[in-house]
PDB file of all heavy atoms in Angstrom:
ATOM      1  N   ASP A   1      28.748  -6.232 -18.636  1.00  0.00           N
ATOM      2  CA  ASP A   1      29.978  -6.885 -18.176  1.00  0.00           C
ATOM      3  C   ASP A   1      29.729  -8.336 -17.767  1.00  0.00           C
ATOM      4  O   ASP A   1      30.316  -8.838 -16.798  1.00  0.00           O
ATOM      5  CB  ASP A   1      30.584  -6.112 -16.992  1.00  0.00           C
ATOM      6  CG  ASP A   1      30.968  -4.691 -17.371  1.00  0.00           C
ATOM      7  OD1 ASP A   1      31.437  -4.502 -18.502  1.00  0.00           O
ATOM      8  OD2 ASP A   1      30.789  -3.783 -16.535  1.00  0.00           O
ATOM      9  N   GLY A   2      28.837  -9.009 -18.487  1.00  0.00           N
ATOM     10  CA  GLY A   2      28.554 -10.414 -18.204  1.00  0.00           C
ATOM     11  C   GLY A   2      27.578 -10.641 -17.076  1.00  0.00           C
ATOM     12  O   GLY A   2      27.241 -11.787 -16.743  1.00  0.00           O
ATOM     13  N   ASN A   3      27.097  -9.566 -16.440  1.00  0.00           N
ATOM     14  CA  ASN A   3      26.162  -9.678 -15.321  1.00  0.00           C
ATOM     15  C   ASN A   3      24.843  -8.979 -15.646  1.00  0.00           C
ATOM     16  O   ASN A   3      24.694  -8.354 -16.688  1.00  0.00           O
ATOM     17  CB  ASN A   3      26.784  -9.080 -14.051  1.00  0.00           C
ATOM     18  CG  ASN A   3      27.932  -9.915 -13.528  1.00  0.00           C
ATOM     19  OD1 ASN A   3      27.749 -11.064 -13.136  1.00  0.00           O
ATOM     20  ND2 ASN A   3      29.134  -9.346 -13.541  1.00  0.00           N
ATOM     21  N   ASN A   4      23.897  -9.101 -14.718  1.00  0.00           N
ATOM     22  CA  ASN A   4      22.545  -8.593 -14.943  1.00  0.00           C
ATOM     23  C   ASN A   4      22.357  -7.171 -14.419  1.00  0.00           C
ATOM     24  O   ASN A   4      22.636  -6.903 -13.243  1.00  0.00           O
ATOM     25  CB  ASN A   4      21.519  -9.481 -14.237  1.00  0.00           C
ATOM     26  CG  ASN A   4      21.411 -10.852 -14.856  1.00  0.00           C
ATOM     27  OD1 ASN A   4      22.072 -11.152 -15.854  1.00  0.00           O
ATOM     28  ND2 ASN A   4      20.564 -11.696 -14.288  1.00  0.00           N
ATOM     29  N   TRP A   5      21.861  -6.309 -15.289  1.00  0.00           N
ATOM     30  CA  TRP A   5      21.398  -4.988 -14.867  1.00  0.00           C
ATOM     31  C   TRP A   5      19.900  -4.935 -15.142  1.00  0.00           C
ATOM     32  O   TRP A   5      19.450  -5.252 -16.234  1.00  0.00           O
ATOM     33  CB  TRP A   5      22.120  -3.877 -15.634  1.00  0.00           C
ATOM     34  CG  TRP A   5      21.813  -2.516 -15.072  1.00  0.00           C
ATOM     35  CD1 TRP A   5      20.702  -1.739 -15.331  1.00  0.00           C
ATOM     36  CD2 TRP A   5      22.591  -1.792 -14.114  1.00  0.00           C
ATOM     37  NE1 TRP A   5      20.744  -0.585 -14.595  1.00  0.00           N
ATOM     38  CE2 TRP A   5      21.891  -0.586 -13.835  1.00  0.00           C
ATOM     39  CE3 TRP A   5      23.804  -2.036 -13.474  1.00  0.00           C
ATOM     40  CZ2 TRP A   5      22.378   0.379 -12.950  1.00  0.00           C
ATOM     41  CZ3 TRP A   5      24.281  -1.075 -12.580  1.00  0.00           C
ATOM     42  CH2 TRP A   5      23.576   0.109 -12.328  1.00  0.00           C
ATOM     43  N   TYR A   6      19.125  -4.521 -14.135  1.00  0.00           N
ATOM     44  CA  TYR A   6      17.670  -4.517 -14.242  1.00  0.00           C
ATOM     45  C   TYR A   6      17.191  -3.098 -14.545  1.00  0.00           C
ATOM     46  O   TYR A   6      17.307  -2.199 -13.704  1.00  0.00           O
ATOM     47  CB  TYR A   6      17.061  -5.078 -12.959  1.00  0.00           C
ATOM     48  CG  TYR A   6      17.664  -6.432 -12.615  1.00  0.00           C
ATOM     49  CD1 TYR A   6      18.431  -6.614 -11.465  1.00  0.00           C
ATOM     50  CD2 TYR A   6      17.499  -7.514 -13.479  1.00  0.00           C
ATOM     51  CE1 TYR A   6      19.019  -7.846 -11.179  1.00  0.00           C
ATOM     52  CE2 TYR A   6      18.084  -8.744 -13.202  1.00  0.00           C
ATOM     53  CZ  TYR A   6      18.843  -8.906 -12.053  1.00  0.00           C
ATOM     54  OH  TYR A   6      19.429 -10.121 -11.780  1.00  0.00           O
ATOM     55  N   GLU A   7      16.687  -2.917 -15.740  1.00  0.00           N
ATOM     56  CA  GLU A   7      16.386  -1.587 -16.265  1.00  0.00           C
ATOM     57  C   GLU A   7      15.064  -1.031 -15.731  1.00  0.00           C
ATOM     58  O   GLU A   7      14.027  -1.686 -15.788  1.00  0.00           O
ATOM     59  CB  GLU A   7      16.345  -1.627 -17.797  1.00  0.00           C
ATOM     60  CG  GLU A   7      16.070  -0.286 -18.440  1.00  0.00           C
ATOM     61  CD  GLU A   7      17.021   0.788 -17.937  1.00  0.00           C
ATOM     62  OE1 GLU A   7      18.238   0.673 -18.174  1.00  0.00           O
ATOM     63  OE2 GLU A   7      16.532   1.734 -17.290  1.00  0.00           O
ATOM     64  N   GLU A   8      15.137   0.196 -15.217  1.00  0.00           N
ATOM     65  CA  GLU A   8      13.937   0.862 -14.714  1.00  0.00           C
ATOM     66  C   GLU A   8      13.029   1.326 -15.846  1.00  0.00           C
ATOM     67  O   GLU A   8      11.803   1.343 -15.695  1.00  0.00           O
ATOM     68  CB  GLU A   8      14.322   2.058 -13.833  1.00  0.00           C
ATOM     69  CG  GLU A   8      13.117   2.774 -13.254  1.00  0.00           C
ATOM     70  CD  GLU A   8      13.476   3.850 -12.263  1.00  0.00           C
ATOM     71  OE1 GLU A   8      14.651   3.943 -11.858  1.00  0.00           O
ATOM     72  OE2 GLU A   8      12.567   4.617 -11.876  1.00  0.00           O
ATOM     73  N   TYR A   9      13.608   1.728 -16.969  1.00  0.00           N
ATOM     74  CA  TYR A   9      12.826   2.232 -18.108  1.00  0.00           C
ATOM     75  C   TYR A   9      13.139   1.376 -19.329  1.00  0.00           C
ATOM     76  O   TYR A   9      14.130   1.608 -20.026  1.00  0.00           O
ATOM     77  CB  TYR A   9      13.162   3.694 -18.378  1.00  0.00           C
ATOM     78  CG  TYR A   9      12.881   4.596 -17.192  1.00  0.00           C
ATOM     79  CD1 TYR A   9      13.919   5.161 -16.459  1.00  0.00           C
ATOM     80  CD2 TYR A   9      11.578   4.861 -16.803  1.00  0.00           C
ATOM     81  CE1 TYR A   9      13.661   5.982 -15.372  1.00  0.00           C
ATOM     82  CE2 TYR A   9      11.304   5.672 -15.713  1.00  0.00           C
ATOM     83  CZ  TYR A   9      12.344   6.228 -15.002  1.00  0.00           C
ATOM     84  OH  TYR A   9      12.082   7.038 -13.928  1.00  0.00           O
ATOM     85  N   ALA A  10      12.310   0.376 -19.576  1.00  0.00           N
ATOM     86  CA  ALA A  10      12.615  -0.614 -20.598  1.00  0.00           C
ATOM     87  C   ALA A  10      11.581  -0.606 -21.720  1.00  0.00           C
ATOM     88  O   ALA A  10      10.373  -0.682 -21.459  1.00  0.00           O
ATOM     89  CB  ALA A  10      12.674  -2.006 -19.973  1.00  0.00           C
ATOM     90  N   GLN A  11      12.072  -0.540 -22.948  1.00  0.00           N
ATOM     91  CA  GLN A  11      11.203  -0.641 -24.122  1.00  0.00           C
ATOM     92  C   GLN A  11      12.055  -1.012 -25.335  1.00  0.00           C
ATOM     93  O   GLN A  11      13.157  -0.483 -25.514  1.00  0.00           O
ATOM     94  CB  GLN A  11      10.457   0.680 -24.376  1.00  0.00           C
ATOM     95  CG  GLN A  11       9.385   0.588 -25.449  1.00  0.00           C
ATOM     96  CD  GLN A  11       8.474   1.817 -25.444  1.00  0.00           C
ATOM     97  OE1 GLN A  11       8.933   2.959 -25.380  1.00  0.00           O
ATOM     98  NE2 GLN A  11       7.176   1.581 -25.481  1.00  0.00           N
ATOM     99  N   LYS A  12      11.540  -1.914 -26.124  1.00  0.00           N
ATOM    100  CA  LYS A  12      12.242  -2.306 -27.347  1.00  0.00           C
ATOM    101  C   LYS A  12      12.531  -1.074 -28.195  1.00  0.00           C
ATOM    102  O   LYS A  12      11.663  -0.211 -28.374  1.00  0.00           O
ATOM    103  CB  LYS A  12      11.397  -3.277 -28.164  1.00  0.00           C
ATOM    104  CG  LYS A  12      11.159  -4.626 -27.531  1.00  0.00           C
ATOM    105  CD  LYS A  12      10.290  -5.477 -28.447  1.00  0.00           C
ATOM    106  CE  LYS A  12       9.895  -6.788 -27.790  1.00  0.00           C
ATOM    107  NZ  LYS A  12       9.020  -7.606 -28.680  1.00  0.00           N
ATOM    108  N   GLY A  13      13.738  -0.992 -28.733  1.00  0.00           N
ATOM    109  CA  GLY A  13      14.097   0.108 -29.626  1.00  0.00           C
ATOM    110  C   GLY A  13      14.536   1.370 -28.921  1.00  0.00           C
ATOM    111  O   GLY A  13      14.921   2.343 -29.565  1.00  0.00           O
ATOM    112  N   VAL A  14      14.489   1.384 -27.570  1.00  0.00           N
ATOM    113  CA  VAL A  14      14.919   2.547 -26.790  1.00  0.00           C
ATOM    114  C   VAL A  14      16.199   2.176 -26.038  1.00  0.00           C
ATOM    115  O   VAL A  14      16.249   1.147 -25.361  1.00  0.00           O
ATOM    116  CB  VAL A  14      13.829   2.996 -25.788  1.00  0.00           C
ATOM    117  CG1 VAL A  14      14.338   4.149 -24.926  1.00  0.00           C
ATOM    118  CG2 VAL A  14      12.561   3.395 -26.534  1.00  0.00           C
ATOM    119  N   GLU A  15      17.230   3.008 -26.171  1.00  0.00           N
ATOM    120  CA  GLU A  15      18.487   2.727 -25.482  1.00  0.00           C
ATOM    121  C   GLU A  15      18.283   2.757 -23.971  1.00  0.00           C
ATOM    122  O   GLU A  15      17.732   3.715 -23.427  1.00  0.00           O
ATOM    123  CB  GLU A  15      19.552   3.760 -25.875  1.00  0.00           C
ATOM    124  CG  GLU A  15      20.920   3.449 -25.302  1.00  0.00           C
ATOM    125  CD  GLU A  15      21.992   4.418 -25.765  1.00  0.00           C
ATOM    126  OE1 GLU A  15      21.692   5.272 -26.638  1.00  0.00           O
ATOM    127  OE2 GLU A  15      23.121   4.328 -25.264  1.00  0.00           O
ATOM    128  N   SER A  16      18.711   1.727 -23.292  1.00  0.00           N
ATOM    129  CA  SER A  16      18.496   1.619 -21.843  1.00  0.00           C
ATOM    130  C   SER A  16      19.357   2.630 -21.094  1.00  0.00           C
ATOM    131  O   SER A  16      20.584   2.625 -21.245  1.00  0.00           O
ATOM    132  CB  SER A  16      18.831   0.198 -21.367  1.00  0.00           C
ATOM    133  OG  SER A  16      17.969  -0.744 -21.963  1.00  0.00           O
ATOM    134  N   PRO A  17      18.742   3.473 -20.245  1.00  0.00           N
ATOM    135  CA  PRO A  17      19.513   4.492 -19.528  1.00  0.00           C
ATOM    136  C   PRO A  17      20.238   3.970 -18.288  1.00  0.00           C
ATOM    137  O   PRO A  17      21.006   4.710 -17.679  1.00  0.00           O
ATOM    138  CB  PRO A  17      18.443   5.516 -19.139  1.00  0.00           C
ATOM    139  CG  PRO A  17      17.180   4.725 -19.049  1.00  0.00           C
ATOM    140  CD  PRO A  17      17.295   3.656 -20.096  1.00  0.00           C
ATOM    141  N   LEU A  18      19.982   2.709 -17.896  1.00  0.00           N
ATOM    142  CA  LEU A  18      20.671   2.099 -16.747  1.00  0.00           C
ATOM    143  C   LEU A  18      20.581   2.992 -15.513  1.00  0.00           C
ATOM    144  O   LEU A  18      21.589   3.492 -14.994  1.00  0.00           O
ATOM    145  CB  LEU A  18      22.136   1.800 -17.097  1.00  0.00           C
ATOM    146  CG  LEU A  18      22.376   0.944 -18.340  1.00  0.00           C
ATOM    147  CD1 LEU A  18      23.867   0.692 -18.548  1.00  0.00           C
ATOM    148  CD2 LEU A  18      21.627  -0.375 -18.261  1.00  0.00           C
ATOM    149  N   VAL A  19      19.380   3.177 -15.021  1.00  0.00           N
ATOM    150  CA  VAL A  19      19.121   4.047 -13.866  1.00  0.00           C
ATOM    151  C   VAL A  19      19.593   3.363 -12.586  1.00  0.00           C
ATOM    152  O   VAL A  19      19.199   2.213 -12.298  1.00  0.00           O
ATOM    153  CB  VAL A  19      17.623   4.390 -13.787  1.00  0.00           C
ATOM    154  CG1 VAL A  19      17.308   5.169 -12.523  1.00  0.00           C
ATOM    155  CG2 VAL A  19      17.207   5.179 -15.034  1.00  0.00           C
ATOM    156  N   LEU A  20      20.409   4.052 -11.821  1.00  0.00           N
ATOM    157  CA  LEU A  20      21.053   3.464 -10.649  1.00  0.00           C
ATOM    158  C   LEU A  20      20.061   3.074  -9.556  1.00  0.00           C
ATOM    159  O   LEU A  20      20.053   1.942  -9.087  1.00  0.00           O
ATOM    160  CB  LEU A  20      22.093   4.439 -10.084  1.00  0.00           C
ATOM    161  CG  LEU A  20      22.837   3.980  -8.827  1.00  0.00           C
ATOM    162  CD1 LEU A  20      23.563   2.666  -9.068  1.00  0.00           C
ATOM    163  CD2 LEU A  20      23.819   5.064  -8.367  1.00  0.00           C
ATOM    164  N   ASN A  21      19.219   4.001  -9.133  1.00  0.00           N
ATOM    165  CA  ASN A  21      18.338   3.694  -8.002  1.00  0.00           C
ATOM    166  C   ASN A  21      17.340   2.599  -8.361  1.00  0.00           C
ATOM    167  O   ASN A  21      16.977   1.786  -7.517  1.00  0.00           O
ATOM    168  CB  ASN A  21      17.624   4.962  -7.512  1.00  0.00           C
ATOM    169  CG  ASN A  21      16.360   5.276  -8.283  1.00  0.00           C
ATOM    170  OD1 ASN A  21      15.270   4.825  -7.958  1.00  0.00           O
ATOM    171  ND2 ASN A  21      16.509   6.073  -9.344  1.00  0.00           N
ATOM    172  N   GLY A  22      16.890   2.561  -9.642  1.00  0.00           N
ATOM    173  CA  GLY A  22      15.942   1.535 -10.054  1.00  0.00           C
ATOM    174  C   GLY A  22      16.536   0.138  -9.965  1.00  0.00           C
ATOM    175  O   GLY A  22      15.890  -0.804  -9.473  1.00  0.00           O
ATOM    176  N   HIS A  23      17.763  -0.019 -10.438  1.00  0.00           N
ATOM    177  CA  HIS A  23      18.454  -1.307 -10.346  1.00  0.00           C
ATOM    178  C   HIS A  23      18.602  -1.734  -8.888  1.00  0.00           C
ATOM    179  O   HIS A  23      18.361  -2.899  -8.540  1.00  0.00           O
ATOM    180  CB  HIS A  23      19.829  -1.188 -11.003  1.00  0.00           C
ATOM    181  CG  HIS A  23      20.672  -2.418 -10.867  1.00  0.00           C
ATOM    182  ND1 HIS A  23      20.480  -3.556 -11.616  1.00  0.00           N
ATOM    183  CD2 HIS A  23      21.722  -2.691 -10.045  1.00  0.00           C
ATOM    184  CE1 HIS A  23      21.373  -4.478 -11.274  1.00  0.00           C
ATOM    185  NE2 HIS A  23      22.137  -3.972 -10.327  1.00  0.00           N
ATOM    186  N   ASN A  24      18.959  -0.792  -8.034  1.00  0.00           N
ATOM    187  CA  ASN A  24      19.155  -1.115  -6.619  1.00  0.00           C
ATOM    188  C   ASN A  24      17.864  -1.580  -5.958  1.00  0.00           C
ATOM    189  O   ASN A  24      17.870  -2.522  -5.141  1.00  0.00           O
ATOM    190  CB  ASN A  24      19.707   0.103  -5.873  1.00  0.00           C
ATOM    191  CG  ASN A  24      21.106   0.469  -6.319  1.00  0.00           C
ATOM    192  OD1 ASN A  24      21.820  -0.349  -6.892  1.00  0.00           O
ATOM    193  ND2 ASN A  24      21.506   1.711  -6.073  1.00  0.00           N
ATOM    194  N   TYR A  25      16.753  -0.937  -6.287  1.00  0.00           N
ATOM    195  CA  TYR A  25      15.476  -1.340  -5.699  1.00  0.00           C
ATOM    196  C   TYR A  25      15.088  -2.752  -6.141  1.00  0.00           C
ATOM    197  O   TYR A  25      14.470  -3.509  -5.371  1.00  0.00           O
ATOM    198  CB  TYR A  25      14.371  -0.356  -6.077  1.00  0.00           C
ATOM    199  CG  TYR A  25      14.307   0.860  -5.179  1.00  0.00           C
ATOM    200  CD1 TYR A  25      14.326   2.146  -5.703  1.00  0.00           C
ATOM    201  CD2 TYR A  25      14.195   0.725  -3.794  1.00  0.00           C
ATOM    202  CE1 TYR A  25      14.262   3.266  -4.882  1.00  0.00           C
ATOM    203  CE2 TYR A  25      14.128   1.828  -2.960  1.00  0.00           C
ATOM    204  CZ  TYR A  25      14.163   3.100  -3.508  1.00  0.00           C
ATOM    205  OH  TYR A  25      14.094   4.208  -2.685  1.00  0.00           O
ATOM    206  N   VAL A  26      15.432  -3.115  -7.371  1.00  0.00           N
ATOM    207  CA  VAL A  26      15.175  -4.489  -7.817  1.00  0.00           C
ATOM    208  C   VAL A  26      15.987  -5.474  -6.970  1.00  0.00           C
ATOM    209  O   VAL A  26      15.494  -6.539  -6.588  1.00  0.00           O
ATOM    210  CB  VAL A  26      15.501  -4.665  -9.311  1.00  0.00           C
ATOM    211  CG1 VAL A  26      15.308  -6.131  -9.729  1.00  0.00           C
ATOM    212  CG2 VAL A  26      14.605  -3.777 -10.172  1.00  0.00           C
ATOM    213  N   LEU A  27      17.234  -5.107  -6.656  1.00  0.00           N
ATOM    214  CA  LEU A  27      18.060  -5.969  -5.808  1.00  0.00           C
ATOM    215  C   LEU A  27      17.400  -6.195  -4.444  1.00  0.00           C
ATOM    216  O   LEU A  27      17.400  -7.320  -3.922  1.00  0.00           O
ATOM    217  CB  LEU A  27      19.449  -5.352  -5.614  1.00  0.00           C
ATOM    218  CG  LEU A  27      20.348  -5.266  -6.850  1.00  0.00           C
ATOM    219  CD1 LEU A  27      21.697  -4.658  -6.476  1.00  0.00           C
ATOM    220  CD2 LEU A  27      20.547  -6.635  -7.487  1.00  0.00           C
ATOM    221  N   PHE A  28      16.822  -5.133  -3.875  1.00  0.00           N
ATOM    222  CA  PHE A  28      16.162  -5.279  -2.575  1.00  0.00           C
ATOM    223  C   PHE A  28      14.945  -6.196  -2.680  1.00  0.00           C
ATOM    224  O   PHE A  28      14.663  -6.978  -1.764  1.00  0.00           O
ATOM    225  CB  PHE A  28      15.748  -3.914  -2.030  1.00  0.00           C
ATOM    226  CG  PHE A  28      16.904  -2.970  -1.800  1.00  0.00           C
ATOM    227  CD1 PHE A  28      16.768  -1.605  -2.014  1.00  0.00           C
ATOM    228  CD2 PHE A  28      18.126  -3.443  -1.383  1.00  0.00           C
ATOM    229  CE1 PHE A  28      17.824  -0.738  -1.811  1.00  0.00           C
ATOM    230  CE2 PHE A  28      19.208  -2.581  -1.170  1.00  0.00           C
ATOM    231  CZ  PHE A  28      19.047  -1.235  -1.387  1.00  0.00           C
ATOM    232  N   ALA A  29      14.212  -6.079  -3.788  1.00  0.00           N
ATOM    233  CA  ALA A  29      13.057  -6.948  -3.996  1.00  0.00           C
ATOM    234  C   ALA A  29      13.503  -8.403  -4.116  1.00  0.00           C
ATOM    235  O   ALA A  29      12.897  -9.313  -3.527  1.00  0.00           O
ATOM    236  CB  ALA A  29      12.296  -6.524  -5.258  1.00  0.00           C
ATOM    237  N   LEU A  30      14.571  -8.640  -4.865  1.00  0.00           N
ATOM    238  CA  LEU A  30      15.078 -10.003  -5.034  1.00  0.00           C
ATOM    239  C   LEU A  30      15.587 -10.580  -3.714  1.00  0.00           C
ATOM    240  O   LEU A  30      15.411 -11.773  -3.429  1.00  0.00           O
ATOM    241  CB  LEU A  30      16.206 -10.012  -6.065  1.00  0.00           C
ATOM    242  CG  LEU A  30      15.770  -9.797  -7.520  1.00  0.00           C
ATOM    243  CD1 LEU A  30      16.998  -9.562  -8.407  1.00  0.00           C
ATOM    244  CD2 LEU A  30      14.969 -10.987  -8.036  1.00  0.00           C
ATOM    245  N   GLU A  31      16.204  -9.732  -2.905  1.00  0.00           N
ATOM    246  CA  GLU A  31      16.754 -10.201  -1.634  1.00  0.00           C
ATOM    247  C   GLU A  31      15.635 -10.726  -0.725  1.00  0.00           C
ATOM    248  O   GLU A  31      15.787 -11.782  -0.089  1.00  0.00           O
ATOM    249  CB  GLU A  31      17.524  -9.070  -0.948  1.00  0.00           C
ATOM    250  CG  GLU A  31      18.471  -9.522   0.140  1.00  0.00           C
ATOM    251  CD  GLU A  31      17.782  -9.786   1.465  1.00  0.00           C
ATOM    252  OE1 GLU A  31      16.742  -9.149   1.725  1.00  0.00           O
ATOM    253  OE2 GLU A  31      18.284 -10.630   2.247  1.00  0.00           O
ATOM    254  N   ILE A  32      14.513 -10.000  -0.695  1.00  0.00           N
ATOM    255  CA  ILE A  32      13.415 -10.421   0.175  1.00  0.00           C
ATOM    256  C   ILE A  32      12.688 -11.642  -0.396  1.00  0.00           C
ATOM    257  O   ILE A  32      12.014 -12.378   0.316  1.00  0.00           O
ATOM    258  CB  ILE A  32      12.423  -9.245   0.408  1.00  0.00           C
ATOM    259  CG1 ILE A  32      11.550  -9.498   1.642  1.00  0.00           C
ATOM    260  CG2 ILE A  32      11.538  -9.013  -0.807  1.00  0.00           C
ATOM    261  CD1 ILE A  32      12.285  -9.397   2.942  1.00  0.00           C
ATOM    262  N   LEU A  33      12.861 -11.878  -1.712  1.00  0.00           N
ATOM    263  CA  LEU A  33      12.179 -12.997  -2.367  1.00  0.00           C
ATOM    264  C   LEU A  33      13.020 -14.277  -2.395  1.00  0.00           C
ATOM    265  O   LEU A  33      12.555 -15.319  -2.865  1.00  0.00           O
ATOM    266  CB  LEU A  33      11.807 -12.613  -3.806  1.00  0.00           C
ATOM    267  CG  LEU A  33      10.634 -11.646  -3.961  1.00  0.00           C
ATOM    268  CD1 LEU A  33      10.609 -11.061  -5.366  1.00  0.00           C
ATOM    269  CD2 LEU A  33       9.315 -12.333  -3.648  1.00  0.00           C
ATOM    270  N   LYS A  34      14.237 -14.214  -1.902  1.00  0.00           N
ATOM    271  CA  LYS A  34      15.149 -15.358  -1.988  1.00  0.00           C
ATOM    272  C   LYS A  34      14.542 -16.655  -1.454  1.00  0.00           C
ATOM    273  O   LYS A  34      14.732 -17.728  -2.016  1.00  0.00           O
ATOM    274  CB  LYS A  34      16.438 -15.055  -1.217  1.00  0.00           C
ATOM    275  CG  LYS A  34      17.428 -14.163  -1.944  1.00  0.00           C
ATOM    276  CD  LYS A  34      18.664 -13.989  -1.076  1.00  0.00           C
ATOM    277  CE  LYS A  34      19.717 -13.129  -1.759  1.00  0.00           C
ATOM    278  NZ  LYS A  34      20.924 -12.979  -0.910  1.00  0.00           N
ATOM    279  N   LYS A  35      13.822 -16.563  -0.342  1.00  0.00           N
ATOM    280  CA  LYS A  35      13.272 -17.762   0.296  1.00  0.00           C
ATOM    281  C   LYS A  35      11.990 -18.249  -0.376  1.00  0.00           C
ATOM    282  O   LYS A  35      11.463 -19.306  -0.010  1.00  0.00           O
ATOM    283  CB  LYS A  35      12.996 -17.487   1.775  1.00  0.00           C
ATOM    284  CG  LYS A  35      14.242 -17.208   2.599  1.00  0.00           C
ATOM    285  CD  LYS A  35      13.891 -16.948   4.053  1.00  0.00           C
ATOM    286  CE  LYS A  35      15.131 -16.659   4.882  1.00  0.00           C
ATOM    287  NZ  LYS A  35      14.793 -16.358   6.306  1.00  0.00           N
ATOM    288  N   HIS A  36      11.507 -17.474  -1.353  1.00  0.00           N
ATOM    289  CA  HIS A  36      10.206 -17.790  -1.941  1.00  0.00           C
ATOM    290  C   HIS A  36      10.266 -18.055  -3.442  1.00  0.00           C
ATOM    291  O   HIS A  36       9.267 -18.461  -4.037  1.00  0.00           O
ATOM    292  CB  HIS A  36       9.229 -16.643  -1.671  1.00  0.00           C
ATOM    293  CG  HIS A  36       9.168 -16.246  -0.237  1.00  0.00           C
ATOM    294  ND1 HIS A  36       8.365 -16.895   0.682  1.00  0.00           N
ATOM    295  CD2 HIS A  36       9.830 -15.280   0.470  1.00  0.00           C
ATOM    296  CE1 HIS A  36       8.524 -16.337   1.876  1.00  0.00           C
ATOM    297  NE2 HIS A  36       9.405 -15.354   1.777  1.00  0.00           N
ATOM    298  N   ASN A  37      11.435 -17.839  -4.051  1.00  0.00           N
ATOM    299  CA  ASN A  37      11.597 -18.070  -5.474  1.00  0.00           C
ATOM    300  C   ASN A  37      13.030 -18.533  -5.726  1.00  0.00           C
ATOM    301  O   ASN A  37      13.991 -17.842  -5.361  1.00  0.00           O
ATOM    302  CB  ASN A  37      11.299 -16.798  -6.274  1.00  0.00           C
ATOM    303  CG  ASN A  37      11.438 -16.991  -7.768  1.00  0.00           C
ATOM    304  OD1 ASN A  37      12.546 -17.079  -8.298  1.00  0.00           O
ATOM    305  ND2 ASN A  37      10.316 -17.048  -8.474  1.00  0.00           N
ATOM    306  N   GLU A  38      13.180 -19.682  -6.360  1.00  0.00           N
ATOM    307  CA  GLU A  38      14.511 -20.279  -6.509  1.00  0.00           C
ATOM    308  C   GLU A  38      15.430 -19.469  -7.419  1.00  0.00           C
ATOM    309  O   GLU A  38      16.662 -19.566  -7.326  1.00  0.00           O
ATOM    310  CB  GLU A  38      14.384 -21.704  -7.042  1.00  0.00           C
ATOM    311  CG  GLU A  38      13.697 -21.815  -8.389  1.00  0.00           C
ATOM    312  CD  GLU A  38      13.515 -23.252  -8.836  1.00  0.00           C
ATOM    313  OE1 GLU A  38      13.682 -24.161  -7.996  1.00  0.00           O
ATOM    314  OE2 GLU A  38      13.212 -23.464 -10.017  1.00  0.00           O
ATOM    315  N   LYS A  39      14.866 -18.657  -8.318  1.00  0.00           N
ATOM    316  CA  LYS A  39      15.694 -17.851  -9.226  1.00  0.00           C
ATOM    317  C   LYS A  39      16.235 -16.599  -8.545  1.00  0.00           C
ATOM    318  O   LYS A  39      17.212 -16.003  -9.006  1.00  0.00           O
ATOM    319  CB  LYS A  39      14.887 -17.419 -10.451  1.00  0.00           C
ATOM    320  CG  LYS A  39      14.538 -18.522 -11.427  1.00  0.00           C
ATOM    321  CD  LYS A  39      13.839 -17.925 -12.642  1.00  0.00           C
ATOM    322  CE  LYS A  39      13.554 -19.001 -13.686  1.00  0.00           C
ATOM    323  NZ  LYS A  39      12.546 -19.962 -13.221  1.00  0.00           N
ATOM    324  N   ALA A  40      15.591 -16.151  -7.458  1.00  0.00           N
ATOM    325  CA  ALA A  40      15.885 -14.847  -6.864  1.00  0.00           C
ATOM    326  C   ALA A  40      17.335 -14.721  -6.397  1.00  0.00           C
ATOM    327  O   ALA A  40      17.960 -13.667  -6.559  1.00  0.00           O
ATOM    328  CB  ALA A  40      14.926 -14.561  -5.713  1.00  0.00           C
ATOM    329  N   THR A  41      17.885 -15.770  -5.822  1.00  0.00           N
ATOM    330  CA  THR A  41      19.261 -15.702  -5.304  1.00  0.00           C
ATOM    331  C   THR A  41      20.264 -15.474  -6.430  1.00  0.00           C
ATOM    332  O   THR A  41      21.155 -14.620  -6.326  1.00  0.00           O
ATOM    333  CB  THR A  41      19.617 -16.982  -4.536  1.00  0.00           C
ATOM    334  OG1 THR A  41      18.740 -17.126  -3.410  1.00  0.00           O
ATOM    335  CG2 THR A  41      21.054 -16.933  -4.047  1.00  0.00           C
ATOM    336  N   VAL A  42      20.125 -16.239  -7.508  1.00  0.00           N
ATOM    337  CA  VAL A  42      21.035 -16.099  -8.656  1.00  0.00           C
ATOM    338  C   VAL A  42      20.912 -14.711  -9.273  1.00  0.00           C
ATOM    339  O   VAL A  42      21.918 -14.066  -9.604  1.00  0.00           O
ATOM    340  CB  VAL A  42      20.746 -17.185  -9.715  1.00  0.00           C
ATOM    341  CG1 VAL A  42      21.593 -16.948 -10.966  1.00  0.00           C
ATOM    342  CG2 VAL A  42      21.008 -18.570  -9.145  1.00  0.00           C
ATOM    343  N   LEU A  43      19.677 -14.236  -9.407  1.00  0.00           N
ATOM    344  CA  LEU A  43      19.448 -12.911  -9.996  1.00  0.00           C
ATOM    345  C   LEU A  43      20.001 -11.807  -9.095  1.00  0.00           C
ATOM    346  O   LEU A  43      20.562 -10.817  -9.586  1.00  0.00           O
ATOM    347  CB  LEU A  43      17.952 -12.692 -10.240  1.00  0.00           C
ATOM    348  CG  LEU A  43      17.307 -13.578 -11.301  1.00  0.00           C
ATOM    349  CD1 LEU A  43      15.795 -13.360 -11.348  1.00  0.00           C
ATOM    350  CD2 LEU A  43      17.916 -13.310 -12.669  1.00  0.00           C
TER     351      LEU A  43
END
């Protein structure tokens, strides 16, 4: 939908299952990295 989903199980040629808890954990990692990486806030 025009936004980023961070795939827990990623491989070329394999349909992405879009795992809910995995995406959420990436968000938590990005949140803590906001002050240390300029891309983290946008992501």
